[in-house]
Amino acid sequence: MKRSGFLIGLCLWALGGFAQQRAITDGPYVFYRNGLMVVKSVVEVKGVYTARADSFAAGKAPKTLRVRLDGHPDWDFTVKLRDKIVNEPVYSPGADKVLALSDIEGEFEPFRNLLLQAGVIDGQYNWIFGKGSLVVAGDLFDRGKQVAQYLWLLYKLEDEARAKGGVVHVVLGNHEMMNLSGDVRYVDSVYFAGCSLMGEDYGSLYKANTELGRWLRSKNTIEKDGDLLVLHGGVSPILLQRGLQLTDINTLSRPYYAARYRAIPDSLKDLFNEQALFWYRGYFLEPKAGQGQIDSTLEWYGVKKILVGHDIIDHVAAFYNNKLVGLDVNEHEGVHEALLIDKGKYYRIDDKGNKALIF
C-alpha cells in the first residue's frame, strides 16, 4: 500500500471535527516552540473534559510529567523527560528472558496486564524484568483510546530497563508511518475531539518539534536482538535480494518516516511500499513465502528466529518449522497475548497469566 488513504483520512478527519464527539483524558503532549516548552493535555474535571496548557521558559521546564488514565486514577504514573533523544541501536546482545508482542494500538489496559502477568513491571510500573528484553514489534497507534499513555509508558520503561541491564525494543509498524505522514484513516475520533479542545491539529502532536515525535523518529524499522530478528511485517523477496544490512535499512529509511510517498526517492520506495518491512504480508497471505525465503532471511541476517506482527492470527504461534513467530492477535476483540521466551523455551502468555508452551 502506497499511503493511498491520505485523502480519505483527511476527509474523515474533517467530518470528525464537525461531529459532536466525546473527548477523553489524553496526553500530555510536549511541544518545543519559540524557545518554550508547551505542555498540553485533555483532563477530566468534575465530569467535564477540558484542555490544560502550560508554557515554560528554558531552564524552568519540568523534569517529569504526570500521565493520567481515564477511569483508573490509581493507574496514573509519572515519566521523567530525557535531556536528549538519540537513535536506538540496531543490534543488541539478546537476553535469556524476552517478552514480545505487537499491534497493541493504544489498548493500554491489556498491555499493562500483560506486563504485570509476565513479571516485566510491578503495580507501580517499575521495571522488575532485570536483564530481560521487552520487544514491541510495531503498531502503537490507532483504534485504541490510550495511544499517548501507551507511548509514554514505553518511553518510561526504556530508561528504567537500561538502568537495570535490560532493554526495551520498540520497532515501528505501518500505523506509525501512517500517523507520522498524515494518513489518519484509522485514528479514533476521540483524538480529534481532544485536539479541538487543545487548539491543535492532530498532525501537530507527533511532529519533530515534539517530545513524542522525536522519540518515534529515534526508532528503527528492524532490529536484531541476540538471535532474534524483530520487525513488524516481514522481509519481502525484493528487499532480501537487495542485500541491505540492518543498519543501512534504518539509516536510509529514517529521513522519510514522515514523508508522503511521492516525496520518497524511487531508489527507496521499496522501503515504504507494499514490499516494506512494515507492510509486507507474505508470511501469512498469498502469495505466501516458502521455507526457502525464511531460511535465506535467517542466514543473511545471522539469526535463528523471526518475530513479526501485522497479520492477525488466532493465537501467538510458531510457523515455518518454528523459525517464525507471529505476535499479532486481535486485541480489539479481546484476545490479549504475548510471546514469552524463557531460557530457550517459547510460551504463549495471556493477560490473565495463563501460559502454554509453543515449542
Protein backbone atom coordinates (compact mmCIF):
# COMPACT_ATOMS: atom_id res chain seq x y z
CA MET A 1 0.00 0.00 0.00
CA LYS A 2 1.44 3.34 -1.01
CA ARG A 3 -0.20 5.63 1.55
CA SER A 4 -3.15 5.90 -0.82
CA GLY A 5 -5.53 6.57 2.06
CA PHE A 6 -4.15 10.03 2.78
CA LEU A 7 -7.05 11.94 1.18
CA ILE A 8 -9.61 9.56 2.65
CA GLY A 9 -8.08 10.12 6.07
CA LEU A 10 -8.28 13.88 5.68
CA CYS A 11 -11.95 13.66 4.79
CA LEU A 12 -12.68 11.52 7.82
CA TRP A 13 -10.68 13.93 9.96
CA ALA A 14 -12.75 16.88 8.72
CA LEU A 15 -16.03 15.05 9.30
CA GLY A 16 -14.94 14.10 12.80
CA GLY A 17 -14.18 17.74 13.57
CA PHE A 18 -17.73 18.78 12.84
CA ALA A 19 -19.36 15.88 14.68
CA GLN A 20 -20.13 16.11 18.37
CA GLN A 21 -17.54 13.61 19.58
CA ARG A 22 -16.78 12.87 23.21
CA ALA A 23 -13.29 13.72 24.37
CA ILE A 24 -11.37 11.56 26.83
CA THR A 25 -8.34 12.06 29.04
CA ASP A 26 -5.40 12.39 26.66
CA GLY A 27 -1.77 13.44 26.61
CA PRO A 28 0.33 15.03 27.81
CA TYR A 29 1.79 16.37 24.57
CA VAL A 30 5.07 18.25 24.78
CA PHE A 31 5.82 20.86 22.11
CA TYR A 32 9.02 22.88 21.67
CA ARG A 33 8.05 26.22 20.16
CA ASN A 34 9.81 29.58 20.03
CA GLY A 35 12.22 28.69 22.82
CA LEU A 36 9.44 27.42 25.08
CA MET A 37 8.26 24.02 26.23
CA VAL A 38 4.49 23.87 25.87
CA VAL A 39 2.66 21.01 27.59
CA LYS A 40 -0.95 20.33 26.58
CA SER A 41 -3.39 17.66 27.68
CA VAL A 42 -7.08 16.86 27.97
CA VAL A 43 -8.17 16.32 31.55
CA GLU A 44 -11.42 15.49 33.29
CA VAL A 45 -12.66 17.89 35.98
CA LYS A 46 -15.95 17.01 37.70
CA GLY A 47 -17.17 15.04 34.73
CA VAL A 48 -16.23 17.66 32.15
CA TYR A 49 -13.29 17.26 29.78
CA THR A 50 -11.22 20.34 29.23
CA ALA A 51 -7.82 21.31 27.88
CA ARG A 52 -4.87 22.21 30.04
CA ALA A 53 -1.88 24.11 28.64
CA ASP A 54 1.30 25.26 30.36
CA SER A 55 4.32 27.07 28.91
CA PHE A 56 7.81 27.01 30.37
CA ALA A 57 10.87 29.06 29.51
CA ALA A 58 14.25 27.42 29.01
CA GLY A 59 15.69 26.30 32.33
CA LYS A 60 12.30 26.28 34.03
CA ALA A 61 10.71 23.35 32.25
CA PRO A 62 9.57 20.41 34.38
CA LYS A 63 11.71 17.31 34.52
CA THR A 64 8.76 14.95 34.99
CA LEU A 65 5.22 14.72 33.65
CA ARG A 66 2.11 13.10 35.04
CA VAL A 67 0.30 10.69 32.74
CA ARG A 68 -3.39 10.15 33.53
CA LEU A 69 -5.72 7.28 32.64
CA ASP A 70 -9.47 7.61 32.21
CA GLY A 71 -11.42 5.73 34.86
CA HIS A 72 -8.30 4.48 36.66
CA PRO A 73 -6.69 7.29 38.68
CA ASP A 74 -4.74 4.64 40.58
CA TRP A 75 -3.09 3.70 37.28
CA ASP A 76 -1.61 7.18 36.72
CA PHE A 77 2.17 7.39 36.53
CA THR A 78 4.97 9.90 36.14
CA VAL A 79 7.59 9.92 33.43
CA LYS A 80 10.99 11.58 33.51
CA LEU A 81 11.84 13.60 30.41
CA ARG A 82 15.22 12.97 28.80
CA ASP A 83 17.91 15.54 28.28
CA LYS A 84 18.29 14.29 24.72
CA ILE A 85 16.98 11.55 22.46
CA VAL A 86 19.34 9.53 20.29
CA ASN A 87 18.65 6.91 17.65
CA GLU A 88 18.23 3.43 19.02
CA PRO A 89 20.90 0.82 18.30
CA VAL A 90 20.09 -1.74 15.62
CA TYR A 91 21.89 -4.61 17.35
CA SER A 92 21.72 -5.80 20.95
CA PRO A 93 23.20 -8.93 22.57
CA GLY A 94 19.86 -10.53 23.47
CA ALA A 95 18.61 -11.93 26.78
CA ASP A 96 17.63 -15.22 28.39
CA LYS A 97 14.15 -13.83 29.04
CA VAL A 98 12.09 -11.96 26.43
CA LEU A 99 8.50 -10.74 26.33
CA ALA A 100 7.42 -9.90 22.77
CA LEU A 101 4.13 -8.52 21.49
CA SER A 102 2.74 -6.33 18.74
CA ASP A 103 -0.25 -4.36 17.45
CA ILE A 104 -1.43 -3.04 20.82
CA GLU A 105 -2.64 0.14 19.05
CA GLY A 106 -3.37 2.18 22.14
CA GLU A 107 -5.09 -0.57 24.18
CA PHE A 108 -3.40 0.42 27.43
CA GLU A 109 -5.18 -1.89 29.89
CA PRO A 110 -4.35 -5.24 28.23
CA PHE A 111 -0.78 -4.07 27.65
CA ARG A 112 -0.44 -3.18 31.32
CA ASN A 113 -1.94 -6.53 32.34
CA LEU A 114 0.39 -8.49 30.06
CA LEU A 115 3.43 -6.76 31.55
CA LEU A 116 2.18 -7.46 35.07
CA GLN A 117 1.44 -11.13 34.38
CA ALA A 118 4.80 -11.69 32.69
CA GLY A 119 6.70 -10.04 35.54
CA VAL A 120 8.02 -7.15 33.47
CA ILE A 121 6.62 -4.47 35.80
CA ASP A 122 5.09 -4.24 39.25
CA GLY A 123 1.86 -2.44 40.10
CA GLN A 124 3.65 0.94 40.12
CA TYR A 125 5.13 0.43 36.65
CA ASN A 126 8.63 -0.22 37.97
CA TRP A 127 10.80 -2.42 35.75
CA ILE A 128 11.32 -5.78 37.51
CA PHE A 129 12.39 -7.81 34.46
CA GLY A 130 16.07 -7.49 35.31
CA LYS A 131 18.27 -8.01 32.25
CA GLY A 132 15.35 -9.19 30.15
CA SER A 133 14.09 -7.75 26.86
CA LEU A 134 10.68 -6.26 26.17
CA VAL A 135 10.01 -6.33 22.43
CA VAL A 136 7.21 -4.37 20.75
CA ALA A 137 7.00 -5.24 17.05
CA GLY A 138 5.10 -2.22 15.79
CA ASP A 139 1.63 -0.69 15.54
CA LEU A 140 1.48 1.54 18.59
CA PHE A 141 -1.18 3.81 17.05
CA ASP A 142 -4.86 3.86 16.07
CA ARG A 143 -8.15 2.26 17.11
CA GLY A 144 -7.37 2.19 20.85
CA LYS A 145 -8.06 5.19 23.06
CA GLN A 146 -4.85 5.49 25.13
CA VAL A 147 -2.15 5.86 22.49
CA ALA A 148 -0.30 8.73 24.19
CA GLN A 149 -0.36 6.95 27.55
CA TYR A 150 0.94 3.78 25.93
CA LEU A 151 3.78 5.68 24.26
CA TRP A 152 4.73 7.39 27.50
CA LEU A 153 4.86 4.07 29.35
CA LEU A 154 7.23 2.65 26.75
CA TYR A 155 9.31 5.85 26.95
CA LYS A 156 9.49 5.47 30.74
CA LEU A 157 10.33 1.77 30.70
CA GLU A 158 13.17 2.22 28.20
CA ASP A 159 15.18 4.25 30.70
CA GLU A 160 14.32 2.04 33.66
CA ALA A 161 15.19 -1.15 31.79
CA ARG A 162 18.52 0.29 30.69
CA ALA A 163 19.38 1.19 34.29
CA LYS A 164 18.77 -2.44 35.34
CA GLY A 165 20.68 -4.01 32.46
CA GLY A 166 17.56 -4.78 30.43
CA VAL A 167 16.30 -3.37 27.15
CA VAL A 168 13.05 -2.25 25.52
CA HIS A 169 12.85 -2.64 21.75
CA VAL A 170 10.17 -0.57 20.01
CA VAL A 171 10.15 -1.26 16.27
CA LEU A 172 7.92 0.85 14.02
CA GLY A 173 4.97 -0.56 12.10
CA ASN A 174 2.79 0.70 9.29
CA HIS A 175 0.48 2.60 11.63
CA GLU A 176 3.37 4.69 12.93
CA MET A 177 4.34 5.61 9.37
CA MET A 178 0.71 6.43 8.57
CA ASN A 179 0.33 8.75 11.54
CA LEU A 180 3.67 10.47 11.02
CA SER A 181 2.93 11.11 7.34
CA GLY A 182 -0.63 12.37 7.82
CA ASP A 183 -2.70 9.29 7.00
CA VAL A 184 -5.28 9.33 9.80
CA ARG A 185 -7.93 6.96 8.44
CA TYR A 186 -7.76 4.62 11.46
CA VAL A 187 -7.42 7.27 14.18
CA ASP A 188 -10.27 7.17 16.70
CA SER A 189 -12.48 10.27 16.68
CA VAL A 190 -11.80 10.96 20.38
CA TYR A 191 -8.36 12.27 19.40
CA PHE A 192 -9.84 14.85 17.04
CA ALA A 193 -12.24 15.96 19.77
CA GLY A 194 -9.29 16.33 22.14
CA CYS A 195 -7.29 18.28 19.57
CA SER A 196 -10.21 20.66 19.16
CA LEU A 197 -10.16 21.33 22.90
CA MET A 198 -6.38 21.83 22.89
CA GLY A 199 -6.44 24.10 19.83
CA GLU A 200 -4.17 21.75 17.88
CA ASP A 201 -4.34 19.87 14.61
CA TYR A 202 -3.88 16.14 15.10
CA GLY A 203 -0.90 16.27 12.76
CA SER A 204 0.96 18.56 15.15
CA LEU A 205 1.01 16.07 18.03
CA TYR A 206 3.90 13.98 16.70
CA LYS A 207 5.93 16.40 14.63
CA ALA A 208 9.70 16.64 15.01
CA ASN A 209 9.30 19.58 17.43
CA THR A 210 7.51 17.40 19.99
CA GLU A 211 8.93 15.03 22.58
CA LEU A 212 6.96 12.01 21.39
CA GLY A 213 7.68 12.91 17.76
CA ARG A 214 11.41 13.00 18.46
CA TRP A 215 11.17 9.71 20.33
CA LEU A 216 9.31 7.98 17.48
CA ARG A 217 11.88 9.18 14.95
CA SER A 218 14.63 7.56 17.02
CA LYS A 219 13.13 4.11 16.44
CA ASN A 220 14.09 1.51 13.85
CA THR A 221 12.05 -0.49 11.36
CA ILE A 222 14.04 -3.68 12.01
CA GLU A 223 16.38 -4.80 14.79
CA LYS A 224 18.41 -7.80 15.83
CA ASP A 225 18.11 -8.86 19.48
CA GLY A 226 20.60 -11.66 20.01
CA ASP A 227 19.49 -14.42 17.63
CA LEU A 228 16.05 -12.82 17.06
CA LEU A 229 15.14 -10.67 14.07
CA VAL A 230 12.40 -8.23 15.08
CA LEU A 231 10.21 -6.33 12.63
CA HIS A 232 6.55 -5.60 12.02
CA GLY A 233 5.57 -7.20 8.70
CA GLY A 234 8.35 -9.19 7.08
CA VAL A 235 11.35 -9.20 4.77
CA SER A 236 9.99 -9.39 1.22
CA PRO A 237 11.88 -11.21 -1.55
CA ILE A 238 12.62 -7.85 -3.19
CA LEU A 239 14.26 -6.44 -0.07
CA LEU A 240 16.12 -9.67 0.56
CA GLN A 241 17.52 -9.55 -2.97
CA ARG A 242 18.80 -6.03 -2.39
CA GLY A 243 21.16 -7.37 0.25
CA LEU A 244 20.91 -4.41 2.59
CA GLN A 245 22.30 -4.69 6.10
CA LEU A 246 20.08 -3.72 9.03
CA THR A 247 21.97 -0.51 9.72
CA ASP A 248 21.67 0.50 6.07
CA ILE A 249 17.91 -0.12 6.06
CA ASN A 250 17.32 2.06 9.11
CA THR A 251 19.71 4.81 8.05
CA LEU A 252 18.11 5.06 4.62
CA SER A 253 14.54 4.93 5.95
CA ARG A 254 14.70 7.32 8.89
CA PRO A 255 14.72 10.65 6.98
CA TYR A 256 11.42 9.67 5.29
CA TYR A 257 9.34 8.42 8.23
CA ALA A 258 7.05 11.45 7.97
CA ALA A 259 7.28 11.89 4.19
CA ARG A 260 4.44 11.33 1.78
CA TYR A 261 5.08 8.51 -0.63
CA ARG A 262 5.56 10.71 -3.68
CA ALA A 263 8.38 12.57 -1.89
CA ILE A 264 10.41 9.40 -1.30
CA PRO A 265 13.19 8.78 -3.87
CA ASP A 266 12.46 5.98 -6.32
CA SER A 267 15.50 4.08 -5.09
CA LEU A 268 13.95 3.88 -1.60
CA LYS A 269 10.31 3.25 -2.45
CA ASP A 270 10.62 -0.48 -1.66
CA LEU A 271 11.33 0.57 1.92
CA PHE A 272 7.88 2.23 2.13
CA ASN A 273 5.50 0.48 -0.30
CA GLU A 274 3.84 -2.92 -0.02
CA GLN A 275 7.32 -4.52 -0.06
CA ALA A 276 8.39 -2.58 3.03
CA LEU A 277 9.33 -4.25 6.29
CA PHE A 278 6.22 -2.81 7.93
CA TRP A 279 3.74 -3.54 5.08
CA TYR A 280 4.78 -6.93 3.66
CA ARG A 281 2.20 -9.69 4.35
CA GLY A 282 3.72 -12.64 2.53
CA TYR A 283 4.43 -14.67 5.66
CA PHE A 284 0.69 -15.21 6.16
CA LEU A 285 -1.16 -14.16 2.99
CA GLU A 286 -0.90 -15.20 -0.65
CA PRO A 287 1.43 -15.27 -2.42
CA LYS A 288 2.96 -16.82 0.68
CA ALA A 289 6.65 -17.08 1.37
CA GLY A 290 8.22 -20.52 1.15
CA GLN A 291 10.52 -22.10 3.70
CA GLY A 292 13.47 -21.20 1.49
CA GLN A 293 12.70 -17.49 1.82
CA ILE A 294 12.59 -17.79 5.61
CA ASP A 295 15.83 -19.77 5.73
CA SER A 296 17.59 -17.28 3.43
CA THR A 297 16.48 -14.39 5.64
CA LEU A 298 17.77 -16.13 8.75
CA GLU A 299 21.09 -16.87 7.09
CA TRP A 300 21.57 -13.36 5.67
CA TYR A 301 20.94 -11.62 8.96
CA GLY A 302 22.63 -14.23 11.14
CA VAL A 303 19.64 -15.06 13.34
CA LYS A 304 17.66 -18.16 14.35
CA LYS A 305 14.12 -16.81 14.66
CA ILE A 306 11.95 -14.03 13.19
CA LEU A 307 9.35 -12.20 15.29
CA VAL A 308 6.60 -10.31 13.43
CA GLY A 309 3.17 -8.77 13.93
CA HIS A 310 0.96 -7.06 11.34
CA ASP A 311 -1.25 -10.00 10.31
CA ILE A 312 -3.89 -11.11 12.80
CA ILE A 313 -3.74 -14.76 13.85
CA ASP A 314 -5.87 -16.67 16.35
CA HIS A 315 -3.12 -17.03 18.94
CA VAL A 316 0.57 -16.25 19.28
CA ALA A 317 2.09 -19.18 17.42
CA ALA A 318 5.10 -20.53 15.50
CA PHE A 319 5.26 -21.11 11.75
CA TYR A 320 7.79 -22.26 9.14
CA ASN A 321 9.25 -25.10 11.21
CA ASN A 322 9.30 -22.94 14.35
CA LYS A 323 11.55 -20.38 12.70
CA LEU A 324 9.00 -17.57 12.71
CA VAL A 325 6.62 -16.45 15.48
CA GLY A 326 3.52 -14.39 14.76
CA LEU A 327 2.57 -11.95 17.51
CA ASP A 328 -0.50 -10.11 16.19
CA VAL A 329 -3.69 -11.28 17.90
CA ASN A 330 -6.99 -9.42 17.85
CA GLU A 331 -6.51 -7.07 20.80
CA HIS A 332 -9.63 -5.07 19.95
CA GLU A 333 -11.78 -8.20 20.10
CA GLY A 334 -10.49 -9.27 23.50
CA VAL A 335 -7.58 -11.57 22.60
CA HIS A 336 -4.62 -10.41 24.69
CA GLU A 337 -1.48 -12.48 24.30
CA ALA A 338 2.28 -12.16 24.09
CA LEU A 339 5.28 -14.38 23.49
CA LEU A 340 7.40 -15.23 26.50
CA ILE A 341 10.85 -16.70 25.84
CA ASP A 342 12.46 -18.13 28.95
CA LYS A 343 15.79 -19.95 28.70
CA GLY A 344 15.15 -21.17 25.18
CA LYS A 345 11.54 -22.22 25.69
CA TYR A 346 8.80 -20.35 23.82
CA TYR A 347 5.48 -19.79 25.60
CA ARG A 348 2.22 -18.05 24.83
CA ILE A 349 1.04 -15.97 27.80
CA ASP A 350 -2.19 -14.03 28.19
CA ASP A 351 -3.34 -11.11 30.31
CA LYS A 352 -4.70 -13.47 32.99
CA GLY A 353 -1.35 -15.19 33.44
CA ASN A 354 -2.24 -18.38 31.57
CA LYS A 355 0.84 -19.83 29.90
CA ALA A 356 1.20 -22.55 27.26
CA LEU A 357 4.34 -23.99 25.70
CA ILE A 358 4.63 -23.34 21.97
CA PHE A 359 7.91 -25.18 21.42
